[in-house]
């Protein structure tokens, strides 16, 4: 039997979104299961804005609602977009549910039972995806403990994880998970609110890839940071250096007045509070409400959102030390969308690649009669001012129906995905139906990697080989994967003819086939994340039905799989596109180890058991997945009495090994925790990178 809940402020904050979910019970059961794209009244999209237009390739007018079960509210809590465009959603449908959608918003029939899997008795709040497509989610168990599930890519429980695909962690009291992150090595960190300590606490726990508590983290796998009063964590993020950043709330009394304060804490890789952040790792930047959303800028500054100064749609920015950034919001460190816009409050935010901040939450709108909760968006410039070119002076109410927003995420192509719960009646016939799982996708048009929607999938392979040349090497394909190194500007070449089929173009325009023998007037190349751009005729002129064409793609700055397509042009007509996958591989510019480690042939001398900061540069920030699986390793070697030796000038305090990146200096640091038993021996340290490069250094250990 579940333990009774006490209505502490932390529980009230956690339950705010779930409380908004209950509008008015519906008497008519919905059809189940069913995925129904949602339009505004009369099919007209009602969420148009100058800088975020509904993505016409997603659902109907960019909005999808999903009705899975009868007579229950269904709410999307978190969403992650996979590399192939499929969308994984964690949320609630009576209990917990994980749903997967295809890129166009339809349920993925290859996942679970027709697109979804039911898990656990309570809503699933945290969500992460492993590189192999396995899914990690968390929610509260029926005994108020922390429950973590891992699913295979087909939606079935991963039997190699915990007991039958789930792990339940009992910390001795009532603990409510609120978020999770998956580290690059597959370890899982869960943030939770602990209710039964003398004061509430921010709780973190880390599980190994197999589902066991990681004893190298905190105390036997857990960390609890007591707060001054009642509160806890709400959001968890992982920065580029592997540090954990938690946003939440603390409710306590100052000078006889009880208020909710925003809390941000930063933890090192081993779970210790970061002493360079806030006061001993914890910052209290603002009063008047909790942190409900959090993102990290490329420069390390932290953007938080929530209720600050009792205004429900507020964003703020902190510097790397945890103090308010006074250059933001006209010198106040924060900015809001106006006291009248907040309604239910901000729920999620993203820092877009052009520096603008898109915040999503619940506002109020009078659909028919009294004002009701509705989806609201606000966009801020990088300096905190409302972006007046967005929506109505920086604010936008999505008028597809009453509902509540739970999160917003950014896709790799710059599109934004908002998730939550929506009442599909749109109040055209009635108000007060049960909520259905809602997703809305928007395409940016303000220069933030704006991507014209791709032509419908599946697309045919190329009719002629596509040759890609990069860094002096070429590969050719009619559909198999092409490979180029990261940082290169590949040259694309192929031959296009005029015997082509009709297609539906971006924007819904239909064209006829280009008749055989018709001279081509141009050619276009598509790269996901960039869109369509013109190609050149190799001979300089488009004047024949078959043309050799060439184009240079922009520099590819990130590893992973992309898609490249080409199509012929004749006047206003365009051919059906042929496409091939393009794999961008790592090709790092390793320039040798940096101090305090000397490069070969020098042997580094150090005391056994020390933690050595092994520093190096790869010519840029390539994330934390730069090492090959199982790397680094060390092996015993014979000590050379004639070798040139030099002492390691710097060691650090660490309980385990791990990789970090310093964006200020552009360097990686792998903290290598050595073994005390190595005293009196020599070893070779081998660092193997994801591109196959191997770097080695030698060490002699003293006792």
Foldseek 3Di string as FASTA:
>chain_A
DADDDDPDVQVCVVCLAVVQQFFFFDPDWDDAFDKAQFDAPPLHFDFDALFWFFFPLARRRQKIFTDHDTRFFWKFFDWDQDPQQKIWTWWDGQATKIFIAHNRHHADCQADPRTMDDDARHGWAEWDAAPQQKIKTWWAHSHQWIKIFIADNRHAADPQADHRGMDTDDPPAHKTWAYWYADNQRKIKTWIWGDPDPAIWTKIFIADNSHATDCLADHSGMDTGGDPHYKYFHDWDADLFRKIKTWMWHWDDDPRDTWIFIKIFIADNRHQTDPQADHRGMNGAATHWTFQEWDADPQGKIKTFAQGPNAFTKIFIAPNRHYQDLQAPVRPRMEGPDSQFRCSHWHYWDQFPQQKIKTKWWGWDCLDPDTGTFIKIFIAHNRHQTPCSTDHHGMTTRQSAHWIWHYKDADPLGKIKTWIWGDRVSCPPHHRYRTTTMIGIIATDPPRLGAQDDFDDPAAWAPWWKWKDWPRDIDIDRAEEAEYAAQTWIKIKTKDAQQAQWGQDRPRDTDGGRDHWQFFQFKWKQKRSRYIDTWAFPVRGGDTRMTITMDIHPGHHAFDKIKMWMWTHDPPDIGGIHIYIYGHFYDFDWDAWDPPADAPPEAEEEAAQFWAWTKTARPASHGFQFFDPPPKDKDFDADDPPHHYDYRPDTDDRSAWDWTADPVVRMITITHGGHNVQAQTKMKIWTATRVGDIGIHIYHHHD
